[in-house]
Amino acid sequence: MAKMAAAVLAREGREDAFRRLFRFYRRRDLRGGPDLRGVIDFSAAGDQVVSSDLSISSVSDQDAYRAGLLPVSQWKAYGLDGYPGFIFISNPFLPGCQRHWVKQCLKLYPQKPNVCNLDMHMAAEETIDLWGQSQEHLRSKGSSKREPRSLLEKLRWVTLGYHYNWDTKKYSADHYTPFPSDLAFLSEQVAAACGFQGFQAEAGILNYYHFDSSLGIHVDESELDHSQPLLSFSFGQSSIFLLGGLKRDEAPTAMFMHSGDIMVMSGFSRLLYHAVPRVLPNPEGTALPSCLEQAFPSDFPDCSVIEHCSEEDWQICTKYLQTSRINMTIRQVLAVGQSFPDESRREREWDATSESCYHQEDGEVKRHKLNTDS
């Protein structure tokens, strides 16, 4: 036992500060889970939490409403001491409007020509309609962990717009599909409210988490224009988010992300290390957070990008979200007038035979391999 403890300490001594805290919140051998008292909750005042000013006049109430958002004057925005450029917006969505984005992430955005992790392991015709192939399974799903997972439950990531190549860690001009107009509009309003008028949503990575999932330590640096922010939207169950420094030997700050919360990383904070070590049940103790149970407004304007989610569709989404979290990260890849550097055809080639991504399933390996039997 002593030798084992010594080996653990020695291993931890070689770990950087970020990895140590990541492993602490990842641990599942502690009764009741890890101590969460050090995790910042933006709904409660804290020493490190400061208010963040928004550009209220940059987004009209009408445009906010069209995107399914409250007027910017009603948003609750915060920052963190020591993290200039980081903005946390506590659920600014209108009642019922989160449902639209959940449905899009499960029903529409995984459709072709967009790319998902299942494309790396399955024939093209097998991934055409993940929603249609999964809805009956999800509708009748019980609580047993031994039940086979539907294709939607095996979804780990989807890329939009400029499709991120997990092997080369680059974007390229020849691997692009039209970015969803509704998500572009939402992103533009949030970016403008944070002082980034003219933001162009050019690439998106959607991550799909379960209670045993995590997101490894990384920096989002593949975009060619780092002057524009990284936008992050969360729906479903809660999570712990770690925000570190420019180097991994800087200890990160832990914070909760709940359904509807938005994070903006810009300026100094744009290229900081970050990770999601753990997904947690929502703190209300119910199957879904109450913000997802709110009714859709009956007087929503026709010009809105938000579509009503039918009760039938929402039943499928509810089943999925009871054990899952969805995150959308939106980026501008190129500065205005900028183009991709000329690269050899071999460097631009999309390699569909392998997959390298930072999304993890109950482990800390860098390459995620899909278990098609679970």
Protein backbone atom coordinates (compact mmCIF):
# COMPACT_ATOMS: atom_id res chain seq x y z
CA MET A 1 0.00 0.00 0.00
CA ALA A 2 2.80 2.41 0.90
CA LYS A 3 4.55 1.74 -2.40
CA MET A 4 1.30 2.35 -4.26
CA ALA A 5 0.70 5.66 -2.47
CA ALA A 6 4.29 6.71 -3.16
CA ALA A 7 3.82 5.91 -6.84
CA VAL A 8 0.63 7.99 -6.96
CA LEU A 9 2.33 10.95 -5.30
CA ALA A 10 5.28 10.65 -7.64
CA ARG A 11 2.98 10.62 -10.63
CA GLU A 12 1.02 13.60 -9.34
CA GLY A 13 4.29 15.40 -8.67
CA ARG A 14 5.09 15.16 -12.38
CA GLU A 15 1.67 16.47 -13.36
CA ASP A 16 1.09 20.12 -14.13
CA ALA A 17 -1.28 22.18 -11.98
CA PHE A 18 -4.09 22.03 -14.53
CA ARG A 19 -3.95 18.24 -14.85
CA ARG A 20 -4.02 17.78 -11.07
CA LEU A 21 -7.22 19.78 -10.69
CA PHE A 22 -8.74 18.13 -13.76
CA ARG A 23 -8.10 14.72 -12.21
CA PHE A 24 -9.48 15.90 -8.86
CA TYR A 25 -12.88 16.80 -10.32
CA ARG A 26 -12.81 13.73 -12.57
CA ARG A 27 -12.43 11.30 -9.67
CA ARG A 28 -15.29 8.85 -9.17
CA ASP A 29 -13.85 6.87 -6.30
CA LEU A 30 -14.88 9.46 -3.69
CA ARG A 31 -18.16 8.84 -1.91
CA GLY A 32 -20.56 11.51 -3.06
CA GLY A 33 -18.05 12.77 -5.63
CA PRO A 34 -15.36 15.44 -5.27
CA ASP A 35 -15.62 18.46 -2.97
CA LEU A 36 -17.36 21.18 -5.02
CA ARG A 37 -16.96 24.03 -2.55
CA GLY A 38 -14.18 25.50 -4.67
CA VAL A 39 -16.36 25.72 -7.79
CA ILE A 40 -17.63 29.22 -8.61
CA ASP A 41 -21.40 29.58 -8.95
CA PHE A 42 -22.18 32.82 -10.76
CA SER A 43 -25.65 32.92 -9.23
CA ALA A 44 -23.98 33.65 -5.88
CA ALA A 45 -21.64 36.53 -5.10
CA GLY A 46 -17.97 35.62 -4.74
CA ASP A 47 -14.65 37.38 -4.22
CA GLN A 48 -13.41 36.63 -7.74
CA VAL A 49 -16.69 37.37 -9.53
CA VAL A 50 -17.18 40.88 -10.91
CA SER A 51 -19.96 42.42 -12.97
CA SER A 52 -19.33 42.76 -16.69
CA ASP A 53 -20.59 45.66 -18.79
CA LEU A 54 -22.38 44.85 -22.03
CA SER A 55 -22.98 46.94 -25.14
CA ILE A 56 -26.73 47.30 -24.64
CA SER A 57 -27.26 49.63 -27.59
CA SER A 58 -25.55 47.23 -30.03
CA VAL A 59 -28.46 44.78 -30.06
CA SER A 60 -32.03 45.97 -30.45
CA ASP A 61 -34.70 44.37 -28.30
CA GLN A 62 -36.31 43.17 -31.53
CA ASP A 63 -33.15 41.38 -32.69
CA ALA A 64 -32.66 39.85 -29.26
CA TYR A 65 -36.26 38.65 -29.35
CA ARG A 66 -35.77 37.22 -32.85
CA ALA A 67 -32.86 35.16 -31.49
CA GLY A 68 -34.94 33.93 -28.54
CA LEU A 69 -33.11 36.16 -26.06
CA LEU A 70 -34.17 38.61 -23.39
CA PRO A 71 -33.35 42.29 -24.03
CA VAL A 72 -29.63 42.77 -23.38
CA SER A 73 -30.48 45.26 -20.62
CA GLN A 74 -31.89 42.30 -18.64
CA TRP A 75 -28.88 39.99 -19.06
CA LYS A 76 -26.78 39.12 -16.03
CA ALA A 77 -23.15 39.22 -17.16
CA TYR A 78 -20.07 38.57 -15.05
CA GLY A 79 -16.31 38.46 -15.32
CA LEU A 80 -13.51 37.02 -13.22
CA ASP A 81 -10.60 38.86 -11.63
CA GLY A 82 -7.44 37.85 -13.42
CA TYR A 83 -9.24 36.84 -16.62
CA PRO A 84 -9.73 39.94 -18.79
CA GLY A 85 -11.90 39.21 -21.81
CA PHE A 86 -13.82 36.40 -20.13
CA ILE A 87 -17.58 37.01 -19.91
CA PHE A 88 -20.14 34.71 -18.32
CA ILE A 89 -23.81 35.34 -19.18
CA SER A 90 -26.31 33.58 -16.94
CA ASN A 91 -29.11 32.08 -19.07
CA PRO A 92 -30.38 35.04 -21.15
CA PHE A 93 -32.86 32.93 -23.15
CA LEU A 94 -36.56 33.66 -23.26
CA PRO A 95 -38.85 31.00 -21.75
CA GLY A 96 -39.11 27.94 -23.97
CA CYS A 97 -36.47 29.08 -26.46
CA GLN A 98 -33.68 26.78 -25.31
CA ARG A 99 -35.80 23.96 -26.71
CA HIS A 100 -35.21 25.21 -30.25
CA TRP A 101 -31.43 24.92 -29.93
CA VAL A 102 -31.60 21.50 -28.28
CA LYS A 103 -33.82 20.22 -31.10
CA GLN A 104 -31.52 21.71 -33.75
CA CYS A 105 -28.46 20.06 -32.17
CA LEU A 106 -30.17 16.67 -32.09
CA LYS A 107 -32.41 16.68 -35.17
CA LEU A 108 -31.08 19.14 -37.77
CA TYR A 109 -27.40 19.98 -37.27
CA PRO A 110 -26.17 16.32 -37.34
CA GLN A 111 -27.67 15.91 -40.81
CA LYS A 112 -25.51 15.80 -43.93
CA PRO A 113 -23.56 17.58 -45.28
CA ASN A 114 -22.38 18.38 -41.75
CA VAL A 115 -19.78 16.05 -40.26
CA CYS A 116 -19.95 13.98 -37.07
CA ASN A 117 -17.83 11.40 -35.25
CA LEU A 118 -20.02 8.54 -36.47
CA ASP A 119 -18.88 9.24 -40.05
CA MET A 120 -15.46 7.91 -39.08
CA HIS A 121 -16.81 4.48 -38.18
CA MET A 122 -19.97 3.97 -40.24
CA ALA A 123 -21.00 3.98 -43.88
CA ALA A 124 -22.46 7.23 -45.20
CA GLU A 125 -25.95 5.77 -45.67
CA GLU A 126 -25.99 4.67 -42.02
CA THR A 127 -25.61 8.22 -40.66
CA ILE A 128 -28.07 10.04 -42.90
CA ASP A 129 -30.91 10.36 -40.36
CA LEU A 130 -29.66 9.85 -36.80
CA TRP A 131 -32.83 11.37 -35.35
CA GLY A 132 -35.14 9.12 -37.31
CA GLN A 133 -33.12 6.04 -36.42
CA SER A 134 -33.03 6.92 -32.71
CA GLN A 135 -36.40 8.41 -31.79
CA GLU A 136 -38.26 5.18 -31.08
CA HIS A 137 -35.37 3.85 -29.00
CA LEU A 138 -35.21 7.07 -26.98
CA ARG A 139 -38.98 7.29 -26.57
CA SER A 140 -39.11 3.85 -24.96
CA LYS A 141 -35.79 4.14 -23.13
CA GLY A 142 -35.72 2.97 -19.52
CA SER A 143 -33.27 3.75 -16.74
CA SER A 144 -31.01 0.72 -17.12
CA LYS A 145 -27.40 1.53 -17.93
CA ARG A 146 -27.11 -1.80 -19.73
CA GLU A 147 -29.51 -0.82 -22.50
CA PRO A 148 -27.88 -0.40 -25.93
CA ARG A 149 -27.36 3.21 -26.88
CA SER A 150 -29.10 4.77 -29.85
CA LEU A 151 -27.07 6.46 -32.58
CA LEU A 152 -27.90 9.87 -31.10
CA GLU A 153 -26.50 8.71 -27.78
CA LYS A 154 -23.30 7.65 -29.56
CA LEU A 155 -22.93 11.12 -31.06
CA ARG A 156 -19.88 12.88 -29.62
CA TRP A 157 -19.34 15.84 -31.92
CA VAL A 158 -20.68 17.60 -34.99
CA THR A 159 -18.84 20.26 -37.00
CA LEU A 160 -20.48 23.12 -38.89
CA GLY A 161 -19.29 25.64 -41.48
CA TYR A 162 -15.53 25.23 -41.85
CA HIS A 163 -15.12 21.65 -40.65
CA TYR A 164 -12.36 21.19 -38.12
CA ASN A 165 -9.91 18.43 -39.06
CA TRP A 166 -9.11 16.56 -35.84
CA ASP A 167 -5.93 15.07 -37.33
CA THR A 168 -4.25 18.17 -38.77
CA LYS A 169 -5.97 20.47 -36.24
CA LYS A 170 -6.69 22.89 -39.07
CA TYR A 171 -9.54 24.35 -41.08
CA SER A 172 -9.41 24.54 -44.87
CA ALA A 173 -11.26 26.33 -47.64
CA ASP A 174 -12.16 23.12 -49.42
CA HIS A 175 -13.96 21.52 -46.49
CA TYR A 176 -16.83 23.90 -45.88
CA THR A 177 -20.61 23.63 -45.81
CA PRO A 178 -23.08 26.50 -45.25
CA PHE A 179 -23.27 27.58 -41.63
CA PRO A 180 -26.81 27.38 -40.14
CA SER A 181 -28.45 30.80 -40.48
CA ASP A 182 -30.34 30.62 -37.18
CA LEU A 183 -27.21 29.81 -35.19
CA ALA A 184 -25.26 32.51 -37.03
CA PHE A 185 -27.90 35.08 -36.06
CA LEU A 186 -27.86 34.03 -32.40
CA SER A 187 -24.06 34.18 -32.30
CA GLU A 188 -23.96 37.60 -33.93
CA GLN A 189 -26.31 39.06 -31.32
CA VAL A 190 -24.34 37.64 -28.39
CA ALA A 191 -21.02 38.78 -29.87
CA ALA A 192 -22.36 42.28 -30.53
CA ALA A 193 -23.67 42.55 -26.96
CA CYS A 194 -20.15 41.73 -25.77
CA GLY A 195 -18.61 44.45 -27.94
CA PHE A 196 -17.82 42.47 -31.08
CA GLN A 197 -20.00 43.99 -33.78
CA GLY A 198 -19.35 42.38 -37.15
CA PHE A 199 -18.58 38.94 -35.72
CA GLN A 200 -19.07 36.27 -38.38
CA ALA A 201 -20.01 32.75 -37.32
CA GLU A 202 -17.90 30.62 -39.65
CA ALA A 203 -17.27 27.39 -37.74
CA GLY A 204 -19.01 25.48 -34.99
CA ILE A 205 -18.18 22.44 -32.92
CA LEU A 206 -21.07 20.81 -31.10
CA ASN A 207 -20.10 18.51 -28.23
CA TYR A 208 -22.47 15.92 -26.79
CA TYR A 209 -21.78 14.77 -23.22
CA HIS A 210 -23.13 12.11 -20.89
CA PHE A 211 -22.51 11.80 -17.16
CA ASP A 212 -19.33 9.80 -17.84
CA SER A 213 -17.96 12.27 -20.41
CA SER A 214 -15.31 14.96 -20.19
CA LEU A 215 -13.52 17.44 -22.41
CA GLY A 216 -9.73 17.27 -22.25
CA ILE A 217 -7.36 20.16 -21.57
CA HIS A 218 -6.84 22.24 -24.70
CA VAL A 219 -6.57 25.67 -26.31
CA ASP A 220 -8.74 26.74 -29.25
CA GLU A 221 -6.02 28.20 -31.45
CA SER A 222 -6.69 26.74 -34.92
CA GLU A 223 -8.69 29.76 -36.05
CA LEU A 224 -6.57 32.20 -38.09
CA ASP A 225 -8.17 35.26 -36.47
CA HIS A 226 -7.82 35.35 -32.68
CA SER A 227 -9.12 38.91 -32.39
CA GLN A 228 -12.68 37.57 -32.46
CA PRO A 229 -14.26 35.77 -29.47
CA LEU A 230 -15.04 32.14 -28.85
CA LEU A 231 -18.73 31.71 -27.93
CA SER A 232 -19.94 28.75 -25.87
CA PHE A 233 -23.60 27.80 -25.27
CA SER A 234 -24.69 25.04 -22.87
CA PHE A 235 -27.98 23.11 -22.66
CA GLY A 236 -29.20 20.25 -20.48
CA GLN A 237 -27.36 18.91 -17.46
CA SER A 238 -24.72 20.97 -15.67
CA SER A 239 -20.94 20.76 -15.82
CA ILE A 240 -17.73 21.95 -14.21
CA PHE A 241 -15.63 24.17 -16.47
CA LEU A 242 -11.95 24.80 -15.77
CA LEU A 243 -10.34 28.00 -17.05
CA GLY A 244 -6.57 28.14 -16.77
CA GLY A 245 -3.73 30.29 -18.01
CA LEU A 246 -1.41 30.53 -20.98
CA LYS A 247 0.58 27.62 -19.56
CA ARG A 248 -0.59 24.39 -18.02
CA ASP A 249 1.42 24.90 -14.85
CA GLU A 250 -1.00 27.69 -13.90
CA ALA A 251 -3.78 26.33 -11.67
CA PRO A 252 -7.21 26.80 -13.29
CA THR A 253 -10.37 28.30 -11.83
CA ALA A 254 -13.38 25.98 -11.58
CA MET A 255 -16.92 27.18 -12.30
CA PHE A 256 -20.37 25.70 -12.90
CA MET A 257 -22.12 25.90 -16.25
CA HIS A 258 -25.87 25.35 -16.21
CA SER A 259 -28.45 25.06 -18.97
CA GLY A 260 -28.78 28.27 -20.97
CA ASP A 261 -25.49 29.76 -19.74
CA ILE A 262 -23.18 31.41 -22.27
CA MET A 263 -19.44 31.93 -22.00
CA VAL A 264 -17.39 34.31 -24.12
CA MET A 265 -13.61 34.01 -24.31
CA SER A 266 -11.95 37.04 -25.92
CA GLY A 267 -8.81 39.15 -25.71
CA PHE A 268 -6.38 37.77 -23.13
CA SER A 269 -8.76 34.90 -22.32
CA ARG A 270 -9.18 33.80 -25.94
CA LEU A 271 -6.13 31.49 -25.92
CA LEU A 272 -6.24 30.19 -22.36
CA TYR A 273 -6.22 26.50 -21.51
CA HIS A 274 -9.63 25.14 -20.54
CA ALA A 275 -11.43 21.84 -20.01
CA VAL A 276 -14.61 20.16 -18.77
CA PRO A 277 -13.66 17.43 -16.27
CA ARG A 278 -17.16 16.48 -15.22
CA VAL A 279 -20.85 16.57 -16.13
CA LEU A 280 -23.23 16.83 -13.16
CA PRO A 281 -26.98 16.44 -12.61
CA ASN A 282 -28.65 19.82 -12.59
CA PRO A 283 -28.60 21.29 -9.05
CA GLU A 284 -32.41 21.50 -8.78
CA GLY A 285 -32.55 17.75 -8.30
CA THR A 286 -35.11 17.25 -11.09
CA ALA A 287 -34.71 15.26 -14.29
CA LEU A 288 -34.40 18.51 -16.25
CA PRO A 289 -33.66 22.06 -15.07
CA SER A 290 -36.80 24.16 -14.71
CA CYS A 291 -35.70 26.55 -17.48
CA LEU A 292 -36.23 23.72 -19.98
CA GLU A 293 -39.75 23.04 -18.73
CA GLN A 294 -40.97 26.57 -19.49
CA ALA A 295 -43.61 27.00 -22.20
CA PHE A 296 -42.83 28.53 -25.57
CA PRO A 297 -44.32 32.05 -26.02
CA SER A 298 -47.58 31.95 -27.94
CA ASP A 299 -47.02 35.38 -29.55
CA PHE A 300 -43.58 34.75 -31.03
CA PRO A 301 -43.09 36.80 -34.25
CA ASP A 302 -42.86 35.12 -37.65
CA CYS A 303 -39.54 36.89 -38.29
CA SER A 304 -37.87 35.02 -35.43
CA VAL A 305 -35.24 32.37 -36.14
CA ILE A 306 -36.78 30.34 -33.29
CA GLU A 307 -39.19 27.59 -34.29
CA HIS A 308 -41.73 25.99 -32.02
CA CYS A 309 -40.60 22.55 -30.86
CA SER A 310 -43.49 20.09 -31.08
CA GLU A 311 -44.39 18.06 -28.01
CA GLU A 312 -43.48 14.89 -29.90
CA ASP A 313 -40.01 16.19 -30.71
CA TRP A 314 -39.53 17.58 -27.21
CA GLN A 315 -40.38 14.19 -25.72
CA ILE A 316 -37.37 12.74 -27.58
CA CYS A 317 -35.16 15.67 -26.55
CA THR A 318 -36.23 15.29 -22.92
CA LYS A 319 -35.30 11.61 -22.86
CA TYR A 320 -31.88 12.49 -24.26
CA LEU A 321 -31.21 15.41 -21.90
CA GLN A 322 -32.05 13.49 -18.74
CA THR A 323 -28.52 12.07 -18.83
CA SER A 324 -26.80 14.46 -21.22
CA ARG A 325 -25.45 17.92 -21.90
CA ILE A 326 -25.04 19.69 -25.25
CA ASN A 327 -22.50 22.44 -25.87
CA MET A 328 -22.16 24.65 -28.96
CA THR A 329 -18.89 26.55 -29.52
CA ILE A 330 -18.93 29.09 -32.33
CA ARG A 331 -15.91 30.78 -33.89
CA GLN A 332 -14.88 33.20 -36.59
CA VAL A 333 -12.05 31.52 -38.49
CA LEU A 334 -10.82 34.28 -40.81
CA ALA A 335 -10.45 38.02 -40.44
CA VAL A 336 -12.35 40.15 -42.95
CA GLY A 337 -10.53 39.87 -46.27
CA GLN A 338 -8.26 37.08 -44.99
CA SER A 339 -7.90 33.77 -46.82
CA PHE A 340 -6.39 30.41 -45.96
CA PRO A 341 -2.66 30.02 -46.64
CA ASP A 342 -1.81 27.99 -49.69
CA GLU A 343 -1.09 24.43 -48.65
CA SER A 344 -0.26 21.29 -50.52
CA ARG A 345 -3.20 19.12 -51.50
CA ARG A 346 -1.98 16.44 -49.15
CA GLU A 347 -2.15 18.80 -46.16
CA ARG A 348 -5.69 19.81 -47.11
CA GLU A 349 -6.91 16.27 -47.64
CA TRP A 350 -9.67 15.20 -45.25
CA ASP A 351 -8.70 11.93 -43.65
CA ALA A 352 -11.89 10.03 -42.91
CA THR A 353 -10.08 6.91 -41.76
CA SER A 354 -9.04 8.20 -38.35
CA GLU A 355 -10.28 10.52 -35.69
CA SER A 356 -8.44 12.62 -33.16
CA CYS A 357 -10.52 14.69 -30.82
CA TYR A 358 -10.43 16.02 -27.31
CA HIS A 359 -13.86 14.70 -26.40
CA GLN A 360 -13.51 11.88 -23.90
CA GLU A 361 -15.80 9.20 -22.58
CA ASP A 362 -14.91 8.09 -19.07
CA GLY A 363 -11.19 8.37 -19.71
CA GLU A 364 -8.39 10.79 -20.40
CA VAL A 365 -7.07 9.48 -23.70
CA LYS A 366 -6.66 12.01 -26.49
CA ARG A 367 -8.18 9.79 -29.19
CA HIS A 368 -11.81 8.86 -28.76
CA LYS A 369 -12.83 5.49 -30.13
CA LEU A 370 -16.51 4.80 -30.57
CA ASN A 371 -17.88 1.66 -28.95
CA THR A 372 -20.68 0.74 -31.30
CA ASP A 373 -21.95 -1.94 -28.93
CA SER A 374 -22.70 0.34 -26.00
